[in-house]
PDB file of all heavy atoms in Angstrom:
ATOM      1  N   ASP A   1     -27.668  49.238   5.567  1.00  0.00           N
ATOM      2  CA  ASP A   1     -28.563  50.389   5.425  1.00  0.00           C
ATOM      3  C   ASP A   1     -27.885  51.489   4.611  1.00  0.00           C
ATOM      4  O   ASP A   1     -28.549  52.196   3.841  1.00  0.00           O
ATOM      5  CB  ASP A   1     -28.951  50.921   6.804  1.00  0.00           C
ATOM      6  CG  ASP A   1     -29.868  49.971   7.559  1.00  0.00           C
ATOM      7  OD1 ASP A   1     -30.327  48.982   6.955  1.00  0.00           O
ATOM      8  OD2 ASP A   1     -30.110  50.211   8.762  1.00  0.00           O
ATOM      9  N   ALA A   2     -26.578  51.646   4.769  1.00  0.00           N
ATOM     10  CA  ALA A   2     -25.854  52.664   4.006  1.00  0.00           C
ATOM     11  C   ALA A   2     -25.874  52.346   2.512  1.00  0.00           C
ATOM     12  O   ALA A   2     -26.037  53.255   1.681  1.00  0.00           O
ATOM     13  CB  ALA A   2     -24.415  52.765   4.513  1.00  0.00           C
ATOM     14  N   PHE A   3     -25.723  51.073   2.147  1.00  0.00           N
ATOM     15  CA  PHE A   3     -25.827  50.703   0.741  1.00  0.00           C
ATOM     16  C   PHE A   3     -27.242  50.950   0.221  1.00  0.00           C
ATOM     17  O   PHE A   3     -27.434  51.386  -0.911  1.00  0.00           O
ATOM     18  CB  PHE A   3     -25.430  49.239   0.538  1.00  0.00           C
ATOM     19  CG  PHE A   3     -23.958  49.029   0.397  1.00  0.00           C
ATOM     20  CD1 PHE A   3     -23.180  48.703   1.491  1.00  0.00           C
ATOM     21  CD2 PHE A   3     -23.332  49.164  -0.827  1.00  0.00           C
ATOM     22  CE1 PHE A   3     -21.815  48.521   1.382  1.00  0.00           C
ATOM     23  CE2 PHE A   3     -21.964  48.981  -0.962  1.00  0.00           C
ATOM     24  CZ  PHE A   3     -21.196  48.666   0.149  1.00  0.00           C
ATOM     25  N   ALA A   4     -28.249  50.672   1.052  1.00  0.00           N
ATOM     26  CA  ALA A   4     -29.644  50.876   0.633  1.00  0.00           C
ATOM     27  C   ALA A   4     -29.957  52.352   0.417  1.00  0.00           C
ATOM     28  O   ALA A   4     -30.736  52.710  -0.474  1.00  0.00           O
ATOM     29  CB  ALA A   4     -30.591  50.288   1.674  1.00  0.00           C
ATOM     30  N   CYS A   5     -29.347  53.223   1.225  1.00  0.00           N
ATOM     31  CA  CYS A   5     -29.705  54.646   1.188  1.00  0.00           C
ATOM     32  C   CYS A   5     -28.798  55.487   0.301  1.00  0.00           C
ATOM     33  O   CYS A   5     -29.249  56.496  -0.251  1.00  0.00           O
ATOM     34  CB  CYS A   5     -29.679  55.225   2.606  1.00  0.00           C
ATOM     35  SG  CYS A   5     -30.912  54.518   3.725  1.00  0.00           S
ATOM     36  N   TYR A   6     -27.525  55.105   0.143  1.00  0.00           N
ATOM     37  CA  TYR A   6     -26.572  56.004  -0.510  1.00  0.00           C
ATOM     38  C   TYR A   6     -25.869  55.430  -1.732  1.00  0.00           C
ATOM     39  O   TYR A   6     -25.306  56.179  -2.527  1.00  0.00           O
ATOM     40  CB  TYR A   6     -25.500  56.441   0.500  1.00  0.00           C
ATOM     41  CG  TYR A   6     -26.039  57.298   1.609  1.00  0.00           C
ATOM     42  CD1 TYR A   6     -26.227  56.769   2.891  1.00  0.00           C
ATOM     43  CD2 TYR A   6     -26.363  58.638   1.393  1.00  0.00           C
ATOM     44  CE1 TYR A   6     -26.724  57.552   3.926  1.00  0.00           C
ATOM     45  CE2 TYR A   6     -26.867  59.425   2.413  1.00  0.00           C
ATOM     46  CZ  TYR A   6     -27.041  58.876   3.681  1.00  0.00           C
ATOM     47  OH  TYR A   6     -27.543  59.658   4.694  1.00  0.00           O
ATOM     48  N   ALA A   7     -25.824  54.102  -1.889  1.00  0.00           N
ATOM     49  CA  ALA A   7     -25.029  53.514  -2.959  1.00  0.00           C
ATOM     50  C   ALA A   7     -25.719  53.622  -4.315  1.00  0.00           C
ATOM     51  O   ALA A   7     -26.946  53.657  -4.415  1.00  0.00           O
ATOM     52  CB  ALA A   7     -24.736  52.049  -2.643  1.00  0.00           C
ATOM     53  N   SER A   8     -24.903  53.673  -5.343  1.00  0.00           N
ATOM     54  CA  SER A   8     -25.402  53.629  -6.714  1.00  0.00           C
ATOM     55  C   SER A   8     -24.447  52.743  -7.520  1.00  0.00           C
ATOM     56  O   SER A   8     -23.248  53.041  -7.589  1.00  0.00           O
ATOM     57  CB  SER A   8     -25.450  55.039  -7.318  1.00  0.00           C
ATOM     58  OG  SER A   8     -25.924  55.001  -8.635  1.00  0.00           O
ATOM     59  N   PRO A   9     -24.919  51.630  -8.083  1.00  0.00           N
ATOM     60  CA  PRO A   9     -26.303  51.166  -8.109  1.00  0.00           C
ATOM     61  C   PRO A   9     -26.768  50.686  -6.727  1.00  0.00           C
ATOM     62  O   PRO A   9     -25.946  50.370  -5.868  1.00  0.00           O
ATOM     63  CB  PRO A   9     -26.265  49.992  -9.090  1.00  0.00           C
ATOM     64  CG  PRO A   9     -24.866  49.478  -8.984  1.00  0.00           C
ATOM     65  CD  PRO A   9     -24.009  50.689  -8.784  1.00  0.00           C
ATOM     66  N   ARG A  10     -28.076  50.628  -6.571  1.00  0.00           N
ATOM     67  CA  ARG A  10     -28.672  50.272  -5.289  1.00  0.00           C
ATOM     68  C   ARG A  10     -28.776  48.758  -5.171  1.00  0.00           C
ATOM     69  O   ARG A  10     -29.845  48.170  -5.253  1.00  0.00           O
ATOM     70  CB  ARG A  10     -30.044  50.934  -5.152  1.00  0.00           C
ATOM     71  CG  ARG A  10     -30.516  51.069  -3.715  1.00  0.00           C
ATOM     72  CD  ARG A  10     -31.803  51.855  -3.646  1.00  0.00           C
ATOM     73  NE  ARG A  10     -32.196  52.152  -2.277  1.00  0.00           N
ATOM     74  CZ  ARG A  10     -33.312  52.796  -1.956  1.00  0.00           C
ATOM     75  NH1 ARG A  10     -34.137  53.215  -2.905  1.00  0.00           N
ATOM     76  NH2 ARG A  10     -33.604  53.029  -0.689  1.00  0.00           N
ATOM     77  N   ILE A  11     -27.630  48.155  -4.997  1.00  0.00           N
ATOM     78  CA  ILE A  11     -27.555  46.705  -4.807  1.00  0.00           C
ATOM     79  C   ILE A  11     -26.659  46.438  -3.604  1.00  0.00           C
ATOM     80  O   ILE A  11     -25.933  47.312  -3.141  1.00  0.00           O
ATOM     81  CB  ILE A  11     -27.031  45.972  -6.062  1.00  0.00           C
ATOM     82  CG1 ILE A  11     -25.620  46.462  -6.415  1.00  0.00           C
ATOM     83  CG2 ILE A  11     -27.983  46.163  -7.230  1.00  0.00           C
ATOM     84  CD1 ILE A  11     -25.010  45.752  -7.603  1.00  0.00           C
ATOM     85  N   MET A  12     -26.698  45.213  -3.101  1.00  0.00           N
ATOM     86  CA  MET A  12     -25.966  44.865  -1.887  1.00  0.00           C
ATOM     87  C   MET A  12     -24.516  44.510  -2.198  1.00  0.00           C
ATOM     88  O   MET A  12     -24.213  43.958  -3.259  1.00  0.00           O
ATOM     89  CB  MET A  12     -26.640  43.704  -1.171  1.00  0.00           C
ATOM     90  CG  MET A  12     -28.017  44.041  -0.621  1.00  0.00           C
ATOM     91  SD  MET A  12     -28.786  42.585   0.153  1.00  0.00           S
ATOM     92  CE  MET A  12     -30.315  43.313   0.769  1.00  0.00           C
ATOM     93  N   HIS A  13     -23.642  44.811  -1.258  1.00  0.00           N
ATOM     94  CA  HIS A  13     -22.230  44.450  -1.403  1.00  0.00           C
ATOM     95  C   HIS A  13     -21.987  42.991  -1.036  1.00  0.00           C
ATOM     96  O   HIS A  13     -21.034  42.365  -1.503  1.00  0.00           O
ATOM     97  CB  HIS A  13     -21.362  45.353  -0.530  1.00  0.00           C
ATOM     98  CG  HIS A  13     -21.557  45.176   0.940  1.00  0.00           C
ATOM     99  ND1 HIS A  13     -22.778  45.387   1.565  1.00  0.00           N
ATOM    100  CD2 HIS A  13     -20.694  44.798   1.938  1.00  0.00           C
ATOM    101  CE1 HIS A  13     -22.658  45.157   2.852  1.00  0.00           C
ATOM    102  NE2 HIS A  13     -21.408  44.798   3.104  1.00  0.00           N
ATOM    103  N   GLN A  14     -22.842  42.446  -0.187  1.00  0.00           N
ATOM    104  CA  GLN A  14     -22.782  41.050   0.225  1.00  0.00           C
ATOM    105  C   GLN A  14     -24.158  40.679   0.757  1.00  0.00           C
ATOM    106  O   GLN A  14     -24.988  41.555   1.000  1.00  0.00           O
ATOM    107  CB  GLN A  14     -21.710  40.824   1.294  1.00  0.00           C
ATOM    108  CG  GLN A  14     -22.004  41.510   2.619  1.00  0.00           C
ATOM    109  CD  GLN A  14     -20.904  41.304   3.643  1.00  0.00           C
ATOM    110  OE1 GLN A  14     -19.733  41.143   3.289  1.00  0.00           O
ATOM    111  NE2 GLN A  14     -21.260  41.312   4.922  1.00  0.00           N
ATOM    112  N   PRO A  15     -24.439  39.392   0.949  1.00  0.00           N
ATOM    113  CA  PRO A  15     -25.769  39.013   1.433  1.00  0.00           C
ATOM    114  C   PRO A  15     -26.075  39.623   2.795  1.00  0.00           C
ATOM    115  O   PRO A  15     -25.199  39.761   3.650  1.00  0.00           O
ATOM    116  CB  PRO A  15     -25.703  37.483   1.517  1.00  0.00           C
ATOM    117  CG  PRO A  15     -24.628  37.105   0.561  1.00  0.00           C
ATOM    118  CD  PRO A  15     -23.621  38.207   0.610  1.00  0.00           C
ATOM    119  N   LEU A  16     -27.324  39.974   2.992  1.00  0.00           N
ATOM    120  CA  LEU A  16     -27.811  40.480   4.273  1.00  0.00           C
ATOM    121  C   LEU A  16     -28.403  39.307   5.043  1.00  0.00           C
ATOM    122  O   LEU A  16     -29.281  38.605   4.544  1.00  0.00           O
ATOM    123  CB  LEU A  16     -28.861  41.565   4.030  1.00  0.00           C
ATOM    124  CG  LEU A  16     -29.419  42.347   5.231  1.00  0.00           C
ATOM    125  CD1 LEU A  16     -30.013  43.673   4.738  1.00  0.00           C
ATOM    126  CD2 LEU A  16     -30.501  41.576   5.970  1.00  0.00           C
ATOM    127  N   VAL A  17     -27.906  39.084   6.241  1.00  0.00           N
ATOM    128  CA  VAL A  17     -28.452  38.048   7.112  1.00  0.00           C
ATOM    129  C   VAL A  17     -29.548  38.693   7.939  1.00  0.00           C
ATOM    130  O   VAL A  17     -29.286  39.590   8.742  1.00  0.00           O
ATOM    131  CB  VAL A  17     -27.370  37.427   8.006  1.00  0.00           C
ATOM    132  CG1 VAL A  17     -27.980  36.385   8.931  1.00  0.00           C
ATOM    133  CG2 VAL A  17     -26.276  36.806   7.149  1.00  0.00           C
ATOM    134  N   ASN A  18     -30.781  38.224   7.740  1.00  0.00           N
ATOM    135  CA  ASN A  18     -31.945  38.924   8.294  1.00  0.00           C
ATOM    136  C   ASN A  18     -32.448  38.339   9.590  1.00  0.00           C
ATOM    137  O   ASN A  18     -32.865  39.066  10.475  1.00  0.00           O
ATOM    138  CB  ASN A  18     -33.084  38.918   7.265  1.00  0.00           C
ATOM    139  CG  ASN A  18     -34.355  39.563   7.790  1.00  0.00           C
ATOM    140  OD1 ASN A  18     -34.348  40.722   8.179  1.00  0.00           O
ATOM    141  ND2 ASN A  18     -35.449  38.806   7.788  1.00  0.00           N
ATOM    142  N   ASN A  19     -32.426  37.030   9.724  1.00  0.00           N
ATOM    143  CA  ASN A  19     -33.108  36.399  10.860  1.00  0.00           C
ATOM    144  C   ASN A  19     -32.110  35.982  11.916  1.00  0.00           C
ATOM    145  O   ASN A  19     -31.377  35.003  11.756  1.00  0.00           O
ATOM    146  CB  ASN A  19     -33.912  35.180  10.382  1.00  0.00           C
ATOM    147  CG  ASN A  19     -34.917  34.735  11.429  1.00  0.00           C
ATOM    148  OD1 ASN A  19     -34.755  34.997  12.610  1.00  0.00           O
ATOM    149  ND2 ASN A  19     -35.958  34.068  10.985  1.00  0.00           N
ATOM    150  N   CYS A  20     -32.069  36.724  13.022  1.00  0.00           N
ATOM    151  CA  CYS A  20     -31.123  36.401  14.094  1.00  0.00           C
ATOM    152  C   CYS A  20     -31.529  35.135  14.841  1.00  0.00           C
ATOM    153  O   CYS A  20     -30.768  34.619  15.657  1.00  0.00           O
ATOM    154  CB  CYS A  20     -31.011  37.567  15.072  1.00  0.00           C
ATOM    155  SG  CYS A  20     -32.561  37.997  15.890  1.00  0.00           S
ATOM    156  N   ASN A  21     -32.729  34.605  14.581  1.00  0.00           N
ATOM    157  CA  ASN A  21     -33.173  33.383  15.261  1.00  0.00           C
ATOM    158  C   ASN A  21     -32.651  32.116  14.582  1.00  0.00           C
ATOM    159  O   ASN A  21     -32.794  31.024  15.095  1.00  0.00           O
ATOM    160  CB  ASN A  21     -34.708  33.332  15.311  1.00  0.00           C
ATOM    161  CG  ASN A  21     -35.279  34.423  16.197  1.00  0.00           C
ATOM    162  OD1 ASN A  21     -34.719  34.755  17.228  1.00  0.00           O
ATOM    163  ND2 ASN A  21     -36.393  34.992  15.769  1.00  0.00           N
ATOM    164  N   PHE A  22     -32.051  32.301  13.382  1.00  0.00           N
ATOM    165  CA  PHE A  22     -31.516  31.141  12.682  1.00  0.00           C
ATOM    166  C   PHE A  22     -30.370  30.529  13.495  1.00  0.00           C
ATOM    167  O   PHE A  22     -29.501  31.234  13.993  1.00  0.00           O
ATOM    168  CB  PHE A  22     -31.012  31.543  11.298  1.00  0.00           C
ATOM    169  CG  PHE A  22     -30.217  30.469  10.613  1.00  0.00           C
ATOM    170  CD1 PHE A  22     -30.844  29.359  10.099  1.00  0.00           C
ATOM    171  CD2 PHE A  22     -28.845  30.585  10.510  1.00  0.00           C
ATOM    172  CE1 PHE A  22     -30.122  28.368   9.472  1.00  0.00           C
ATOM    173  CE2 PHE A  22     -28.101  29.601   9.886  1.00  0.00           C
ATOM    174  CZ  PHE A  22     -28.742  28.490   9.361  1.00  0.00           C
ATOM    175  N   ASN A  23     -30.370  29.238  13.609  1.00  0.00           N
ATOM    176  CA  ASN A  23     -29.364  28.546  14.408  1.00  0.00           C
ATOM    177  C   ASN A  23     -28.633  27.528  13.538  1.00  0.00           C
ATOM    178  O   ASN A  23     -29.218  26.547  13.079  1.00  0.00           O
ATOM    179  CB  ASN A  23     -30.028  27.836  15.592  1.00  0.00           C
ATOM    180  CG  ASN A  23     -29.010  27.332  16.594  1.00  0.00           C
ATOM    181  OD1 ASN A  23     -27.990  26.772  16.221  1.00  0.00           O
ATOM    182  ND2 ASN A  23     -29.290  27.547  17.868  1.00  0.00           N
ATOM    183  N   LEU A  24     -27.351  27.814  13.284  1.00  0.00           N
ATOM    184  CA  LEU A  24     -26.564  26.920  12.443  1.00  0.00           C
ATOM    185  C   LEU A  24     -26.473  25.525  13.048  1.00  0.00           C
ATOM    186  O   LEU A  24     -26.526  24.526  12.331  1.00  0.00           O
ATOM    187  CB  LEU A  24     -25.160  27.503  12.246  1.00  0.00           C
ATOM    188  CG  LEU A  24     -24.150  26.619  11.508  1.00  0.00           C
ATOM    189  CD1 LEU A  24     -24.650  26.265  10.122  1.00  0.00           C
ATOM    190  CD2 LEU A  24     -22.795  27.311  11.434  1.00  0.00           C
ATOM    191  N   LEU A  25     -26.355  25.448  14.378  1.00  0.00           N
ATOM    192  CA  LEU A  25     -26.244  24.138  15.011  1.00  0.00           C
ATOM    193  C   LEU A  25     -27.485  23.292  14.769  1.00  0.00           C
ATOM    194  O   LEU A  25     -27.400  22.079  14.588  1.00  0.00           O
ATOM    195  CB  LEU A  25     -25.996  24.301  16.512  1.00  0.00           C
ATOM    196  CG  LEU A  25     -24.638  24.888  16.907  1.00  0.00           C
ATOM    197  CD1 LEU A  25     -24.534  25.015  18.417  1.00  0.00           C
ATOM    198  CD2 LEU A  25     -23.497  24.035  16.368  1.00  0.00           C
ATOM    199  N   ASP A  26     -28.652  23.947  14.751  1.00  0.00           N
ATOM    200  CA  ASP A  26     -29.879  23.209  14.441  1.00  0.00           C
ATOM    201  C   ASP A  26     -29.826  22.662  13.022  1.00  0.00           C
ATOM    202  O   ASP A  26     -30.253  21.528  12.758  1.00  0.00           O
ATOM    203  CB  ASP A  26     -31.100  24.117  14.608  1.00  0.00           C
ATOM    204  CG  ASP A  26     -31.397  24.419  16.068  1.00  0.00           C
ATOM    205  OD1 ASP A  26     -30.920  23.666  16.945  1.00  0.00           O
ATOM    206  OD2 ASP A  26     -32.092  25.415  16.335  1.00  0.00           O
ATOM    207  N   SER A  27     -29.321  23.466  12.099  1.00  0.00           N
ATOM    208  CA  SER A  27     -29.232  23.020  10.708  1.00  0.00           C
ATOM    209  C   SER A  27     -28.262  21.857  10.570  1.00  0.00           C
ATOM    210  O   SER A  27     -28.533  20.890   9.845  1.00  0.00           O
ATOM    211  CB  SER A  27     -28.783  24.182   9.807  1.00  0.00           C
ATOM    212  OG  SER A  27     -29.767  25.179   9.754  1.00  0.00           O
ATOM    213  N   LEU A  28     -27.137  21.924  11.261  1.00  0.00           N
ATOM    214  CA  LEU A  28     -26.176  20.823  11.203  1.00  0.00           C
ATOM    215  C   LEU A  28     -26.755  19.565  11.830  1.00  0.00           C
ATOM    216  O   LEU A  28     -26.553  18.454  11.331  1.00  0.00           O
ATOM    217  CB  LEU A  28     -24.887  21.222  11.906  1.00  0.00           C
ATOM    218  CG  LEU A  28     -24.049  22.304  11.225  1.00  0.00           C
ATOM    219  CD1 LEU A  28     -22.837  22.643  12.068  1.00  0.00           C
ATOM    220  CD2 LEU A  28     -23.618  21.864   9.837  1.00  0.00           C
ATOM    221  N   ARG A  29     -27.487  19.746  12.926  1.00  0.00           N
ATOM    222  CA  ARG A  29     -28.123  18.603  13.569  1.00  0.00           C
ATOM    223  C   ARG A  29     -29.128  17.934  12.619  1.00  0.00           C
ATOM    224  O   ARG A  29     -29.187  16.705  12.517  1.00  0.00           O
ATOM    225  CB  ARG A  29     -28.815  19.058  14.855  1.00  0.00           C
ATOM    226  CG  ARG A  29     -29.328  17.914  15.719  1.00  0.00           C
ATOM    227  CD  ARG A  29     -29.980  18.438  16.986  1.00  0.00           C
ATOM    228  NE  ARG A  29     -29.045  19.196  17.799  1.00  0.00           N
ATOM    229  CZ  ARG A  29     -29.109  20.507  17.990  1.00  0.00           C
ATOM    230  NH1 ARG A  29     -30.082  21.206  17.443  1.00  0.00           N
ATOM    231  NH2 ARG A  29     -28.225  21.117  18.748  1.00  0.00           N
ATOM    232  N   ASP A  30     -29.882  18.746  11.911  1.00  0.00           N
ATOM    233  CA  ASP A  30     -30.857  18.214  10.955  1.00  0.00           C
ATOM    234  C   ASP A  30     -30.170  17.550   9.765  1.00  0.00           C
ATOM    235  O   ASP A  30     -30.737  16.665   9.119  1.00  0.00           O
ATOM    236  CB  ASP A  30     -31.778  19.331  10.456  1.00  0.00           C
ATOM    237  CG  ASP A  30     -32.682  19.877  11.551  1.00  0.00           C
ATOM    238  OD1 ASP A  30     -32.865  19.180  12.569  1.00  0.00           O
ATOM    239  OD2 ASP A  30     -33.186  20.998  11.401  1.00  0.00           O
ATOM    240  N   ALA A  31     -28.940  17.999   9.473  1.00  0.00           N
ATOM    241  CA  ALA A  31     -28.238  17.451   8.308  1.00  0.00           C
ATOM    242  C   ALA A  31     -27.646  16.078   8.579  1.00  0.00           C
ATOM    243  O   ALA A  31     -27.401  15.310   7.644  1.00  0.00           O
ATOM    244  CB  ALA A  31     -27.132  18.419   7.877  1.00  0.00           C
ATOM    245  N   PHE A  32     -27.420  15.739   9.839  1.00  0.00           N
ATOM    246  CA  PHE A  32     -26.816  14.450  10.144  1.00  0.00           C
ATOM    247  C   PHE A  32     -27.725  13.309   9.714  1.00  0.00           C
ATOM    248  O   PHE A  32     -28.920  13.292  10.005  1.00  0.00           O
ATOM    249  CB  PHE A  32     -26.517  14.335  11.644  1.00  0.00           C
ATOM    250  CG  PHE A  32     -26.021  12.969  12.034  1.00  0.00           C
ATOM    251  CD1 PHE A  32     -24.787  12.528  11.612  1.00  0.00           C
ATOM    252  CD2 PHE A  32     -26.818  12.118  12.792  1.00  0.00           C
ATOM    253  CE1 PHE A  32     -24.323  11.265  11.953  1.00  0.00           C
ATOM    254  CE2 PHE A  32     -26.368  10.856  13.137  1.00  0.00           C
ATOM    255  CZ  PHE A  32     -25.114  10.419  12.709  1.00  0.00           C
ATOM    256  N   ASN A  33     -27.142  12.355   9.001  1.00  0.00           N
ATOM    257  CA  ASN A  33     -27.849  11.166   8.515  1.00  0.00           C
ATOM    258  C   ASN A  33     -29.040  11.525   7.625  1.00  0.00           C
ATOM    259  O   ASN A  33     -30.025  10.794   7.574  1.00  0.00           O
ATOM    260  CB  ASN A  33     -28.313  10.296   9.690  1.00  0.00           C
ATOM    261  CG  ASN A  33     -28.416   8.829   9.293  1.00  0.00           C
ATOM    262  OD1 ASN A  33     -27.832   8.402   8.301  1.00  0.00           O
ATOM    263  ND2 ASN A  33     -29.172   8.067  10.059  1.00  0.00           N
ATOM    264  N   ASN A  34     -28.927  12.671   6.934  1.00  0.00           N
ATOM    265  CA  ASN A  34     -29.971  13.111   6.002  1.00  0.00           C
ATOM    266  C   ASN A  34     -29.541  12.723   4.594  1.00  0.00           C
ATOM    267  O   ASN A  34     -28.625  13.315   4.014  1.00  0.00           O
ATOM    268  CB  ASN A  34     -30.164  14.628   6.110  1.00  0.00           C
ATOM    269  CG  ASN A  34     -31.323  15.129   5.268  1.00  0.00           C
ATOM    270  OD1 ASN A  34     -31.641  14.570   4.221  1.00  0.00           O
ATOM    271  ND2 ASN A  34     -31.960  16.185   5.730  1.00  0.00           N
ATOM    272  N   GLU A  35     -30.195  11.748   4.033  1.00  0.00           N
ATOM    273  CA  GLU A  35     -29.816  11.229   2.722  1.00  0.00           C
ATOM    274  C   GLU A  35     -29.969  12.274   1.627  1.00  0.00           C
ATOM    275  O   GLU A  35     -29.260  12.260   0.619  1.00  0.00           O
ATOM    276  CB  GLU A  35     -30.644   9.994   2.389  1.00  0.00           C
ATOM    277  CG  GLU A  35     -30.195   9.259   1.139  1.00  0.00           C
ATOM    278  CD  GLU A  35     -30.928   7.959   0.939  1.00  0.00           C
ATOM    279  OE1 GLU A  35     -31.830   7.646   1.761  1.00  0.00           O
ATOM    280  OE2 GLU A  35     -30.610   7.249  -0.028  1.00  0.00           O
TER     281      GLU A  35
END
């Protein structure tokens, strides 16, 4: 939020992770045996 409100240029310093419901373990589980 500080970068959004005060920084110039108005760009991000690093990616913003938005969705706290994302589950890495679910993604890894889906990746197993995925051609």
